[in-house]
C-alpha atoms as a PDB file:
ATOM      1  CA  UNK A   1      -7.939 -44.535  44.325  1.00  0.00           C
ATOM      2  CA  UNK A   2     -10.004 -43.100  47.183  1.00  0.00           C
ATOM      3  CA  UNK A   3     -11.658 -39.674  46.983  1.00  0.00           C
ATOM      4  CA  UNK A   4     -11.503 -39.532  43.205  1.00  0.00           C
ATOM      5  CA  UNK A   5     -13.871 -36.542  43.114  1.00  0.00           C
ATOM      6  CA  UNK A   6     -11.987 -34.381  45.613  1.00  0.00           C
ATOM      7  CA  UNK A   7     -11.197 -31.785  42.972  1.00  0.00           C
ATOM      8  CA  UNK A   8     -14.274 -30.666  41.052  1.00  0.00           C
ATOM      9  CA  UNK A   9     -12.288 -27.932  39.333  1.00  0.00           C
ATOM     10  CA  UNK A  10      -9.862 -30.437  37.887  1.00  0.00           C
ATOM     11  CA  UNK A  11     -12.666 -32.467  36.366  1.00  0.00           C
ATOM     12  CA  UNK A  12     -14.458 -29.443  34.864  1.00  0.00           C
ATOM     13  CA  UNK A  13     -11.387 -28.748  32.763  1.00  0.00           C
ATOM     14  CA  UNK A  14     -12.580 -31.608  30.504  1.00  0.00           C
ATOM     15  CA  UNK A  15     -15.976 -29.933  29.960  1.00  0.00           C
ATOM     16  CA  UNK A  16     -16.731 -28.730  26.450  1.00  0.00           C
ATOM     17  CA  UNK A  17     -13.703 -30.595  25.063  1.00  0.00           C
ATOM     18  CA  UNK A  18     -15.687 -33.763  24.371  1.00  0.00           C
ATOM     19  CA  UNK A  19     -13.439 -35.734  26.736  1.00  0.00           C
ATOM     20  CA  UNK A  20     -14.145 -38.126  29.581  1.00  0.00           C
ATOM     21  CA  UNK A  21     -12.358 -40.160  32.198  1.00  0.00           C
ATOM     22  CA  UNK A  22     -13.218 -43.795  32.736  1.00  0.00           C
ATOM     23  CA  UNK A  23     -12.530 -46.018  35.717  1.00  0.00           C
ATOM     24  CA  UNK A  24     -11.731 -49.412  34.237  1.00  0.00           C
ATOM     25  CA  UNK A  25     -12.096 -52.697  36.104  1.00  0.00           C
ATOM     26  CA  UNK A  26     -12.689 -56.413  35.778  1.00  0.00           C
ATOM     27  CA  UNK A  27     -15.539 -58.504  37.109  1.00  0.00           C
ATOM     28  CA  UNK A  28     -14.384 -62.064  36.481  1.00  0.00           C
ATOM     29  CA  UNK A  29     -11.872 -63.015  33.851  1.00  0.00           C
ATOM     30  CA  UNK A  30      -9.950 -60.687  31.538  1.00  0.00           C
ATOM     31  CA  UNK A  31     -12.760 -58.565  30.034  1.00  0.00           C
ATOM     32  CA  UNK A  32     -12.433 -54.880  30.886  1.00  0.00           C
ATOM     33  CA  UNK A  33     -15.490 -52.841  31.950  1.00  0.00           C
ATOM     34  CA  UNK A  34     -15.764 -49.143  32.774  1.00  0.00           C
ATOM     35  CA  UNK A  35     -17.910 -46.378  34.259  1.00  0.00           C
ATOM     36  CA  UNK A  36     -17.464 -42.628  34.161  1.00  0.00           C
ATOM     37  CA  UNK A  37     -15.095 -41.351  36.863  1.00  0.00           C
ATOM     38  CA  UNK A  38     -17.435 -38.405  37.486  1.00  0.00           C
ATOM     39  CA  UNK A  39     -19.888 -40.817  39.102  1.00  0.00           C
ATOM     40  CA  UNK A  40     -17.343 -42.457  41.398  1.00  0.00           C
ATOM     41  CA  UNK A  41     -16.855 -41.310  44.979  1.00  0.00           C
ATOM     42  CA  UNK A  42     -14.188 -43.828  45.964  1.00  0.00           C
ATOM     43  CA  UNK A  43     -12.898 -47.366  45.532  1.00  0.00           C
ATOM     44  CA  UNK A  44     -12.308 -49.732  48.471  1.00  0.00           C
ATOM     45  CA  UNK A  45     -11.213 -53.285  49.069  1.00  0.00           C
ATOM     46  CA  UNK A  46     -14.354 -55.270  49.847  1.00  0.00           C
ATOM     47  CA  UNK A  47     -15.398 -54.495  53.455  1.00  0.00           C
ATOM     48  CA  UNK A  48     -17.454 -56.694  55.709  1.00  0.00           C
ATOM     49  CA  UNK A  49     -21.055 -56.759  54.494  1.00  0.00           C
ATOM     50  CA  UNK A  50     -24.257 -57.002  56.479  1.00  0.00           C
ATOM     51  CA  UNK A  51     -26.924 -59.125  54.803  1.00  0.00           C
ATOM     52  CA  UNK A  52     -30.290 -57.529  53.973  1.00  0.00           C
ATOM     53  CA  UNK A  53     -33.124 -60.070  54.307  1.00  0.00           C
ATOM     54  CA  UNK A  54     -35.673 -60.160  51.446  1.00  0.00           C
ATOM     55  CA  UNK A  55     -33.588 -57.795  49.312  1.00  0.00           C
ATOM     56  CA  UNK A  56     -33.159 -58.078  45.543  1.00  0.00           C
ATOM     57  CA  UNK A  57     -30.843 -61.028  44.700  1.00  0.00           C
ATOM     58  CA  UNK A  58     -28.243 -58.689  43.149  1.00  0.00           C
ATOM     59  CA  UNK A  59     -27.910 -56.796  46.449  1.00  0.00           C
ATOM     60  CA  UNK A  60     -25.310 -58.812  48.359  1.00  0.00           C
ATOM     61  CA  UNK A  61     -25.466 -56.719  51.526  1.00  0.00           C
ATOM     62  CA  UNK A  62     -24.983 -53.237  52.950  1.00  0.00           C
ATOM     63  CA  UNK A  63     -21.933 -51.419  54.246  1.00  0.00           C
ATOM     64  CA  UNK A  64     -21.157 -48.089  55.852  1.00  0.00           C
ATOM     65  CA  UNK A  65     -19.166 -45.447  53.949  1.00  0.00           C
ATOM     66  CA  UNK A  66     -18.473 -42.064  55.542  1.00  0.00           C
ATOM     67  CA  UNK A  67     -21.197 -42.667  58.077  1.00  0.00           C
ATOM     68  CA  UNK A  68     -23.817 -43.592  55.455  1.00  0.00           C
ATOM     69  CA  UNK A  69     -25.291 -47.070  55.087  1.00  0.00           C
ATOM     70  CA  UNK A  70     -25.431 -48.029  51.421  1.00  0.00           C
ATOM     71  CA  UNK A  71     -26.449 -51.126  49.443  1.00  0.00           C
ATOM     72  CA  UNK A  72     -23.790 -53.163  47.667  1.00  0.00           C
ATOM     73  CA  UNK A  73     -24.807 -54.545  44.254  1.00  0.00           C
ATOM     74  CA  UNK A  74     -22.978 -57.461  42.667  1.00  0.00           C
ATOM     75  CA  UNK A  75     -22.382 -55.887  39.242  1.00  0.00           C
ATOM     76  CA  UNK A  76     -21.492 -59.199  37.602  1.00  0.00           C
ATOM     77  CA  UNK A  77     -24.731 -60.774  38.798  1.00  0.00           C
ATOM     78  CA  UNK A  78     -26.714 -57.657  37.817  1.00  0.00           C
ATOM     79  CA  UNK A  79     -25.632 -57.903  34.166  1.00  0.00           C
ATOM     80  CA  UNK A  80     -26.392 -61.589  33.891  1.00  0.00           C
ATOM     81  CA  UNK A  81     -23.034 -63.183  34.735  1.00  0.00           C
ATOM     82  CA  UNK A  82     -22.026 -65.403  37.620  1.00  0.00           C
ATOM     83  CA  UNK A  83     -21.552 -63.708  41.017  1.00  0.00           C
ATOM     84  CA  UNK A  84     -18.281 -62.174  42.200  1.00  0.00           C
ATOM     85  CA  UNK A  85     -16.300 -64.260  44.648  1.00  0.00           C
ATOM     86  CA  UNK A  86     -16.185 -62.269  47.894  1.00  0.00           C
ATOM     87  CA  UNK A  87     -12.541 -62.678  48.830  1.00  0.00           C
ATOM     88  CA  UNK A  88      -9.460 -60.491  49.350  1.00  0.00           C
ATOM     89  CA  UNK A  89      -9.271 -59.762  45.621  1.00  0.00           C
ATOM     90  CA  UNK A  90     -12.747 -58.195  45.441  1.00  0.00           C
ATOM     91  CA  UNK A  91     -13.397 -54.450  45.604  1.00  0.00           C
ATOM     92  CA  UNK A  92     -16.317 -52.061  45.713  1.00  0.00           C
ATOM     93  CA  UNK A  93     -16.859 -48.880  43.689  1.00  0.00           C
ATOM     94  CA  UNK A  94     -18.879 -46.298  45.643  1.00  0.00           C
ATOM     95  CA  UNK A  95     -20.980 -44.240  43.213  1.00  0.00           C
ATOM     96  CA  UNK A  96     -23.631 -41.561  43.138  1.00  0.00           C
ATOM     97  CA  UNK A  97     -26.395 -41.786  40.568  1.00  0.00           C
ATOM     98  CA  UNK A  98     -29.682 -39.901  40.532  1.00  0.00           C
ATOM     99  CA  UNK A  99     -29.002 -38.413  43.978  1.00  0.00           C
ATOM    100  CA  UNK A 100     -28.555 -41.880  45.537  1.00  0.00           C
ATOM    101  CA  UNK A 101     -25.345 -43.533  46.727  1.00  0.00           C
ATOM    102  CA  UNK A 102     -24.624 -47.206  46.234  1.00  0.00           C
ATOM    103  CA  UNK A 103     -21.643 -49.487  45.818  1.00  0.00           C
ATOM    104  CA  UNK A 104     -20.910 -52.026  43.104  1.00  0.00           C
ATOM    105  CA  UNK A 105     -19.087 -55.233  43.972  1.00  0.00           C
ATOM    106  CA  UNK A 106     -16.411 -55.916  41.345  1.00  0.00           C
ATOM    107  CA  UNK A 107     -13.216 -57.920  40.927  1.00  0.00           C
ATOM    108  CA  UNK A 108      -9.984 -56.012  40.343  1.00  0.00           C
ATOM    109  CA  UNK A 109      -9.560 -52.326  39.524  1.00  0.00           C
ATOM    110  CA  UNK A 110      -7.499 -51.624  36.402  1.00  0.00           C
ATOM    111  CA  UNK A 111      -7.076 -47.822  36.411  1.00  0.00           C
ATOM    112  CA  UNK A 112      -8.252 -44.477  35.061  1.00  0.00           C
ATOM    113  CA  UNK A 113      -8.038 -43.507  31.390  1.00  0.00           C
ATOM    114  CA  UNK A 114      -8.690 -40.202  29.639  1.00  0.00           C
ATOM    115  CA  UNK A 115     -10.459 -40.465  26.267  1.00  0.00           C
ATOM    116  CA  UNK A 116     -12.206 -38.422  23.620  1.00  0.00           C
ATOM    117  CA  UNK A 117     -15.904 -39.223  23.278  1.00  0.00           C
ATOM    118  CA  UNK A 118     -15.284 -39.689  19.538  1.00  0.00           C
ATOM    119  CA  UNK A 119     -13.405 -42.854  20.510  1.00  0.00           C
ATOM    120  CA  UNK A 120     -16.495 -44.199  22.285  1.00  0.00           C
ATOM    121  CA  UNK A 121     -19.053 -46.032  20.162  1.00  0.00           C
ATOM    122  CA  UNK A 122     -22.597 -47.300  20.827  1.00  0.00           C
ATOM    123  CA  UNK A 123     -22.647 -51.025  21.665  1.00  0.00           C
ATOM    124  CA  UNK A 124     -23.395 -53.506  18.895  1.00  0.00           C
ATOM    125  CA  UNK A 125     -26.942 -54.779  18.715  1.00  0.00           C
ATOM    126  CA  UNK A 126     -26.880 -58.068  20.591  1.00  0.00           C
ATOM    127  CA  UNK A 127     -28.379 -60.007  23.451  1.00  0.00           C
ATOM    128  CA  UNK A 128     -26.839 -61.074  26.730  1.00  0.00           C
ATOM    129  CA  UNK A 129     -24.798 -58.626  28.741  1.00  0.00           C
ATOM    130  CA  UNK A 130     -24.738 -56.127  25.806  1.00  0.00           C
ATOM    131  CA  UNK A 131     -28.226 -55.315  27.043  1.00  0.00           C
ATOM    132  CA  UNK A 132     -26.475 -53.562  29.964  1.00  0.00           C
ATOM    133  CA  UNK A 133     -23.891 -51.663  27.931  1.00  0.00           C
ATOM    134  CA  UNK A 134     -24.205 -48.000  27.026  1.00  0.00           C
ATOM    135  CA  UNK A 135     -21.052 -47.880  24.888  1.00  0.00           C
ATOM    136  CA  UNK A 136     -17.804 -49.581  24.011  1.00  0.00           C
ATOM    137  CA  UNK A 137     -14.275 -48.318  23.362  1.00  0.00           C
ATOM    138  CA  UNK A 138     -10.812 -49.702  22.736  1.00  0.00           C
ATOM    139  CA  UNK A 139      -7.806 -49.118  24.987  1.00  0.00           C
ATOM    140  CA  UNK A 140      -4.418 -50.536  23.934  1.00  0.00           C
ATOM    141  CA  UNK A 141      -6.186 -52.875  21.505  1.00  0.00           C
ATOM    142  CA  UNK A 142      -8.479 -54.177  24.254  1.00  0.00           C
ATOM    143  CA  UNK A 143     -12.271 -53.800  24.018  1.00  0.00           C
ATOM    144  CA  UNK A 144     -13.728 -51.983  27.037  1.00  0.00           C
ATOM    145  CA  UNK A 145     -17.439 -52.323  27.769  1.00  0.00           C
ATOM    146  CA  UNK A 146     -19.016 -49.283  29.404  1.00  0.00           C
ATOM    147  CA  UNK A 147     -21.831 -50.246  31.763  1.00  0.00           C
ATOM    148  CA  UNK A 148     -25.293 -48.660  31.492  1.00  0.00           C
ATOM    149  CA  UNK A 149     -25.623 -48.164  35.246  1.00  0.00           C
ATOM    150  CA  UNK A 150     -29.073 -46.587  34.890  1.00  0.00           C
ATOM    151  CA  UNK A 151     -30.335 -49.840  33.404  1.00  0.00           C
ATOM    152  CA  UNK A 152     -28.696 -51.832  36.197  1.00  0.00           C
ATOM    153  CA  UNK A 153     -30.280 -49.645  38.869  1.00  0.00           C
ATOM    154  CA  UNK A 154     -33.674 -49.821  37.189  1.00  0.00           C
ATOM    155  CA  UNK A 155     -33.689 -53.533  38.053  1.00  0.00           C
ATOM    156  CA  UNK A 156     -33.317 -52.747  41.717  1.00  0.00           C
ATOM    157  CA  UNK A 157     -35.060 -49.381  42.165  1.00  0.00           C
ATOM    158  CA  UNK A 158     -38.545 -48.698  40.831  1.00  0.00           C
ATOM    159  CA  UNK A 159     -38.898 -45.255  39.199  1.00  0.00           C
ATOM    160  CA  UNK A 160     -42.276 -43.538  39.024  1.00  0.00           C
ATOM    161  CA  UNK A 161     -42.758 -41.559  35.785  1.00  0.00           C
ATOM    162  CA  UNK A 162     -46.144 -40.090  36.765  1.00  0.00           C
ATOM    163  CA  UNK A 163     -46.504 -36.373  37.480  1.00  0.00           C
ATOM    164  CA  UNK A 164     -48.216 -35.487  40.748  1.00  0.00           C
ATOM    165  CA  UNK A 165     -51.681 -33.945  40.404  1.00  0.00           C
ATOM    166  CA  UNK A 166     -50.657 -30.810  42.262  1.00  0.00           C
ATOM    167  CA  UNK A 167     -47.777 -30.235  39.810  1.00  0.00           C
ATOM    168  CA  UNK A 168     -49.602 -30.890  36.505  1.00  0.00           C
ATOM    169  CA  UNK A 169     -51.052 -27.711  35.004  1.00  0.00           C
ATOM    170  CA  UNK A 170     -53.875 -28.809  32.737  1.00  0.00           C
ATOM    171  CA  UNK A 171     -54.258 -25.314  31.296  1.00  0.00           C
ATOM    172  CA  UNK A 172     -50.828 -25.614  29.631  1.00  0.00           C
ATOM    173  CA  UNK A 173     -51.464 -28.917  27.892  1.00  0.00           C
ATOM    174  CA  UNK A 174     -53.278 -27.487  24.842  1.00  0.00           C
ATOM    175  CA  UNK A 175     -50.470 -24.967  24.318  1.00  0.00           C
ATOM    176  CA  UNK A 176     -47.862 -27.686  24.855  1.00  0.00           C
ATOM    177  CA  UNK A 177     -49.297 -29.697  21.942  1.00  0.00           C
ATOM    178  CA  UNK A 178     -47.889 -27.076  19.619  1.00  0.00           C
ATOM    179  CA  UNK A 179     -44.384 -27.531  21.014  1.00  0.00           C
ATOM    180  CA  UNK A 180     -41.579 -30.046  20.487  1.00  0.00           C
ATOM    181  CA  UNK A 181     -38.853 -31.117  22.901  1.00  0.00           C
ATOM    182  CA  UNK A 182     -35.612 -32.597  21.568  1.00  0.00           C
ATOM    183  CA  UNK A 183     -34.549 -35.284  24.067  1.00  0.00           C
ATOM    184  CA  UNK A 184     -30.929 -36.421  23.717  1.00  0.00           C
ATOM    185  CA  UNK A 185     -29.809 -39.459  25.730  1.00  0.00           C
ATOM    186  CA  UNK A 186     -28.055 -42.747  25.076  1.00  0.00           C
ATOM    187  CA  UNK A 187     -29.754 -44.807  27.793  1.00  0.00           C
ATOM    188  CA  UNK A 188     -32.973 -46.541  26.699  1.00  0.00           C
ATOM    189  CA  UNK A 189     -34.100 -46.563  30.353  1.00  0.00           C
ATOM    190  CA  UNK A 190     -33.561 -42.814  30.752  1.00  0.00           C
ATOM    191  CA  UNK A 191     -35.236 -42.098  27.393  1.00  0.00           C
ATOM    192  CA  UNK A 192     -38.264 -44.140  28.373  1.00  0.00           C
ATOM    193  CA  UNK A 193     -38.608 -42.430  31.746  1.00  0.00           C
ATOM    194  CA  UNK A 194     -38.240 -38.885  30.440  1.00  0.00           C
ATOM    195  CA  UNK A 195     -40.347 -39.422  27.320  1.00  0.00           C
ATOM    196  CA  UNK A 196     -43.244 -40.856  29.346  1.00  0.00           C
ATOM    197  CA  UNK A 197     -43.200 -37.843  31.671  1.00  0.00           C
ATOM    198  CA  UNK A 198     -42.939 -35.291  28.866  1.00  0.00           C
ATOM    199  CA  UNK A 199     -45.789 -36.846  26.906  1.00  0.00           C
ATOM    200  CA  UNK A 200     -48.047 -36.426  29.941  1.00  0.00           C
ATOM    201  CA  UNK A 201     -47.586 -32.689  29.404  1.00  0.00           C
ATOM    202  CA  UNK A 202     -48.864 -33.008  25.831  1.00  0.00           C
ATOM    203  CA  UNK A 203     -45.497 -32.362  24.205  1.00  0.00           C
ATOM    204  CA  UNK A 204     -44.180 -33.848  20.974  1.00  0.00           C
ATOM    205  CA  UNK A 205     -40.910 -35.569  21.898  1.00  0.00           C
ATOM    206  CA  UNK A 206     -38.161 -36.159  19.336  1.00  0.00           C
ATOM    207  CA  UNK A 207     -35.373 -38.507  20.537  1.00  0.00           C
ATOM    208  CA  UNK A 208     -31.726 -38.688  19.498  1.00  0.00           C
ATOM    209  CA  UNK A 209     -29.321 -41.128  21.132  1.00  0.00           C
ATOM    210  CA  UNK A 210     -26.090 -39.091  21.302  1.00  0.00           C
ATOM    211  CA  UNK A 211     -24.923 -35.493  21.152  1.00  0.00           C
ATOM    212  CA  UNK A 212     -23.678 -35.728  17.579  1.00  0.00           C
ATOM    213  CA  UNK A 213     -27.036 -37.021  16.362  1.00  0.00           C
ATOM    214  CA  UNK A 214     -28.750 -34.300  18.398  1.00  0.00           C
ATOM    215  CA  UNK A 215     -26.599 -31.596  16.867  1.00  0.00           C
ATOM    216  CA  UNK A 216     -27.153 -32.958  13.351  1.00  0.00           C
ATOM    217  CA  UNK A 217     -30.904 -33.012  13.930  1.00  0.00           C
ATOM    218  CA  UNK A 218     -30.842 -29.339  14.916  1.00  0.00           C
ATOM    219  CA  UNK A 219     -28.608 -28.456  11.970  1.00  0.00           C
ATOM    220  CA  UNK A 220     -30.966 -30.291   9.570  1.00  0.00           C
ATOM    221  CA  UNK A 221     -33.937 -28.370  10.986  1.00  0.00           C
ATOM    222  CA  UNK A 222     -31.949 -25.148  10.660  1.00  0.00           C
ATOM    223  CA  UNK A 223     -31.068 -25.829   7.029  1.00  0.00           C
ATOM    224  CA  UNK A 224     -34.693 -26.670   6.266  1.00  0.00           C
ATOM    225  CA  UNK A 225     -35.878 -23.319   7.624  1.00  0.00           C
ATOM    226  CA  UNK A 226     -37.426 -24.749  10.802  1.00  0.00           C
ATOM    227  CA  UNK A 227     -39.031 -22.073  12.998  1.00  0.00           C
ATOM    228  CA  UNK A 228     -37.280 -22.807  16.314  1.00  0.00           C
ATOM    229  CA  UNK A 229     -38.940 -19.971  18.209  1.00  0.00           C
ATOM    230  CA  UNK A 230     -42.414 -21.163  17.244  1.00  0.00           C
ATOM    231  CA  UNK A 231     -41.932 -24.927  17.432  1.00  0.00           C
ATOM    232  CA  UNK A 232     -39.013 -26.034  19.626  1.00  0.00           C
ATOM    233  CA  UNK A 233     -39.606 -25.510  23.315  1.00  0.00           C
ATOM    234  CA  UNK A 234     -36.260 -26.782  24.543  1.00  0.00           C
ATOM    235  CA  UNK A 235     -33.428 -29.276  24.263  1.00  0.00           C
ATOM    236  CA  UNK A 236     -33.094 -31.737  27.163  1.00  0.00           C
ATOM    237  CA  UNK A 237     -29.766 -33.535  27.061  1.00  0.00           C
ATOM    238  CA  UNK A 238     -27.802 -36.099  28.981  1.00  0.00           C
ATOM    239  CA  UNK A 239     -24.187 -35.322  29.795  1.00  0.00           C
ATOM    240  CA  UNK A 240     -22.190 -38.462  28.930  1.00  0.00           C
ATOM    241  CA  UNK A 241     -22.907 -40.006  25.516  1.00  0.00           C
ATOM    242  CA  UNK A 242     -20.904 -41.772  22.802  1.00  0.00           C
ATOM    243  CA  UNK A 243     -19.481 -39.728  19.902  1.00  0.00           C
ATOM    244  CA  UNK A 244     -20.328 -36.340  21.435  1.00  0.00           C
ATOM    245  CA  UNK A 245     -21.271 -35.519  25.014  1.00  0.00           C
ATOM    246  CA  UNK A 246     -23.967 -33.070  26.093  1.00  0.00           C
ATOM    247  CA  UNK A 247     -21.446 -30.379  27.058  1.00  0.00           C
ATOM    248  CA  UNK A 248     -19.779 -30.372  23.661  1.00  0.00           C
ATOM    249  CA  UNK A 249     -23.153 -30.408  21.926  1.00  0.00           C
ATOM    250  CA  UNK A 250     -24.182 -27.358  23.981  1.00  0.00           C
ATOM    251  CA  UNK A 251     -20.917 -25.612  23.103  1.00  0.00           C
ATOM    252  CA  UNK A 252     -21.513 -26.271  19.388  1.00  0.00           C
ATOM    253  CA  UNK A 253     -25.083 -24.960  19.626  1.00  0.00           C
ATOM    254  CA  UNK A 254     -23.935 -21.780  21.367  1.00  0.00           C
ATOM    255  CA  UNK A 255     -21.385 -21.208  18.606  1.00  0.00           C
ATOM    256  CA  UNK A 256     -24.038 -21.380  15.843  1.00  0.00           C
ATOM    257  CA  UNK A 257     -25.659 -18.038  15.023  1.00  0.00           C
ATOM    258  CA  UNK A 258     -29.061 -19.606  14.266  1.00  0.00           C
ATOM    259  CA  UNK A 259     -29.082 -22.075  17.168  1.00  0.00           C
ATOM    260  CA  UNK A 260     -27.337 -20.137  19.942  1.00  0.00           C
ATOM    261  CA  UNK A 261     -30.539 -18.957  21.648  1.00  0.00           C
ATOM    262  CA  UNK A 262     -32.069 -22.442  22.103  1.00  0.00           C
ATOM    263  CA  UNK A 263     -33.130 -23.287  25.646  1.00  0.00           C
ATOM    264  CA  UNK A 264     -30.940 -26.190  26.831  1.00  0.00           C
ATOM    265  CA  UNK A 265     -31.353 -28.163  30.048  1.00  0.00           C
ATOM    266  CA  UNK A 266     -28.832 -30.738  31.226  1.00  0.00           C
ATOM    267  CA  UNK A 267     -30.641 -33.866  32.533  1.00  0.00           C
ATOM    268  CA  UNK A 268     -28.139 -36.247  34.059  1.00  0.00           C
ATOM    269  CA  UNK A 269     -27.416 -38.752  36.777  1.00  0.00           C
ATOM    270  CA  UNK A 270     -24.075 -37.074  37.555  1.00  0.00           C
ATOM    271  CA  UNK A 271     -23.684 -35.360  40.925  1.00  0.00           C
ATOM    272  CA  UNK A 272     -25.347 -31.991  41.374  1.00  0.00           C
ATOM    273  CA  UNK A 273     -22.457 -29.925  42.705  1.00  0.00           C
ATOM    274  CA  UNK A 274     -20.286 -31.071  39.841  1.00  0.00           C
ATOM    275  CA  UNK A 275     -22.884 -30.183  37.217  1.00  0.00           C
ATOM    276  CA  UNK A 276     -23.569 -26.725  38.606  1.00  0.00           C
ATOM    277  CA  UNK A 277     -19.989 -25.825  37.715  1.00  0.00           C
ATOM    278  CA  UNK A 278     -20.275 -27.422  34.296  1.00  0.00           C
ATOM    279  CA  UNK A 279     -23.612 -25.807  33.425  1.00  0.00           C
ATOM    280  CA  UNK A 280     -22.057 -22.369  33.923  1.00  0.00           C
ATOM    281  CA  UNK A 281     -19.010 -23.263  31.871  1.00  0.00           C
ATOM    282  CA  UNK A 282     -20.784 -24.462  28.718  1.00  0.00           C
ATOM    283  CA  UNK A 283     -23.856 -22.198  28.923  1.00  0.00           C
ATOM    284  CA  UNK A 284     -26.766 -24.521  29.655  1.00  0.00           C
ATOM    285  CA  UNK A 285     -29.948 -22.818  30.895  1.00  0.00           C
ATOM    286  CA  UNK A 286     -30.502 -25.295  33.703  1.00  0.00           C
ATOM    287  CA  UNK A 287     -29.619 -28.601  35.298  1.00  0.00           C
ATOM    288  CA  UNK A 288     -31.817 -31.474  36.478  1.00  0.00           C
ATOM    289  CA  UNK A 289     -30.826 -34.637  38.308  1.00  0.00           C
ATOM    290  CA  UNK A 290     -32.401 -37.851  37.046  1.00  0.00           C
ATOM    291  CA  UNK A 291     -34.957 -39.054  37.701  1.00  0.00           C
ATOM    292  CA  UNK A 292     -37.515 -36.691  39.247  1.00  0.00           C
ATOM    293  CA  UNK A 293     -40.703 -36.509  37.159  1.00  0.00           C
ATOM    294  CA  UNK A 294     -42.253 -33.687  39.202  1.00  0.00           C
ATOM    295  CA  UNK A 295     -39.080 -31.549  38.936  1.00  0.00           C
ATOM    296  CA  UNK A 296     -38.813 -32.280  35.216  1.00  0.00           C
ATOM    297  CA  UNK A 297     -42.476 -31.357  34.739  1.00  0.00           C
ATOM    298  CA  UNK A 298     -42.108 -28.155  36.738  1.00  0.00           C
ATOM    299  CA  UNK A 299     -39.055 -27.104  34.730  1.00  0.00           C
ATOM    300  CA  UNK A 300     -40.812 -27.738  31.423  1.00  0.00           C
ATOM    301  CA  UNK A 301     -44.019 -26.034  32.556  1.00  0.00           C
ATOM    302  CA  UNK A 302     -42.070 -22.965  33.709  1.00  0.00           C
ATOM    303  CA  UNK A 303     -40.552 -22.795  30.218  1.00  0.00           C
ATOM    304  CA  UNK A 304     -44.026 -23.120  28.658  1.00  0.00           C
ATOM    305  CA  UNK A 305     -45.254 -20.204  30.779  1.00  0.00           C
ATOM    306  CA  UNK A 306     -42.263 -18.110  29.698  1.00  0.00           C
ATOM    307  CA  UNK A 307     -43.036 -18.509  25.994  1.00  0.00           C
ATOM    308  CA  UNK A 308     -46.857 -18.651  26.143  1.00  0.00           C
ATOM    309  CA  UNK A 309     -48.490 -15.478  24.848  1.00  0.00           C
ATOM    310  CA  UNK A 310     -50.515 -13.567  27.428  1.00  0.00           C
END
């Protein structure tokens, strides 16, 4: 199970085919959970942990992986369940999200499955741990709950959505008010962060919560005679989403004669080196790691300058 991401080329073969690989595991009991394999660096049996005084209660300690000291988060505790028993049956999943590396304490590892995003559905509206789910699927008649890791990390790490004064170009704001950004993401946390930053630039932000909804929105605008060149500044999309991922959505856009020239930026918590390969493959215009408000603002402002009349 170690070094799952050793072959970037192998993983990029899934890009544009609306497919994903999930690492499935258990916390306590029989319920299966999952996260995207693309975000996993390796899986280990629980190592010895060093306690961090005054840390968040869900951080059960730190460990060293490949010479780097990283926090270990009890994933069961983080989603509102009882803590994982730290014994010989426990494991950690080492992951990279938003340019940071952390490990999640879990119970047993189940395996890796390859699915089509069409088989992955948004979670049902509910309370409890569903609050921390980004999607659900079914494998061999068993329900698998896919964790919204961005929401889990938002409990532990504070994200600033404000744009630095030296980045914000006030002269562009009046022009930006004429423009719309289509933001496509399935994570409420990520939507809130990006939308807050974009609105500081004066932009009108339209949100869709998966790639299929995003594509249908664009197709509806197209059929209604929407002037994309005049009104739509860009599409900012997450990569992994239920029903249709951002790569497949981009592929569908590029195959549409009236949509193919839209400016599309991939905005994701997946690792940078992996996405650089995928951006080239599906034809995105750029890639941004979550969540960096100044970098997002700079990217959007550069696009505004490109389309602003002299």
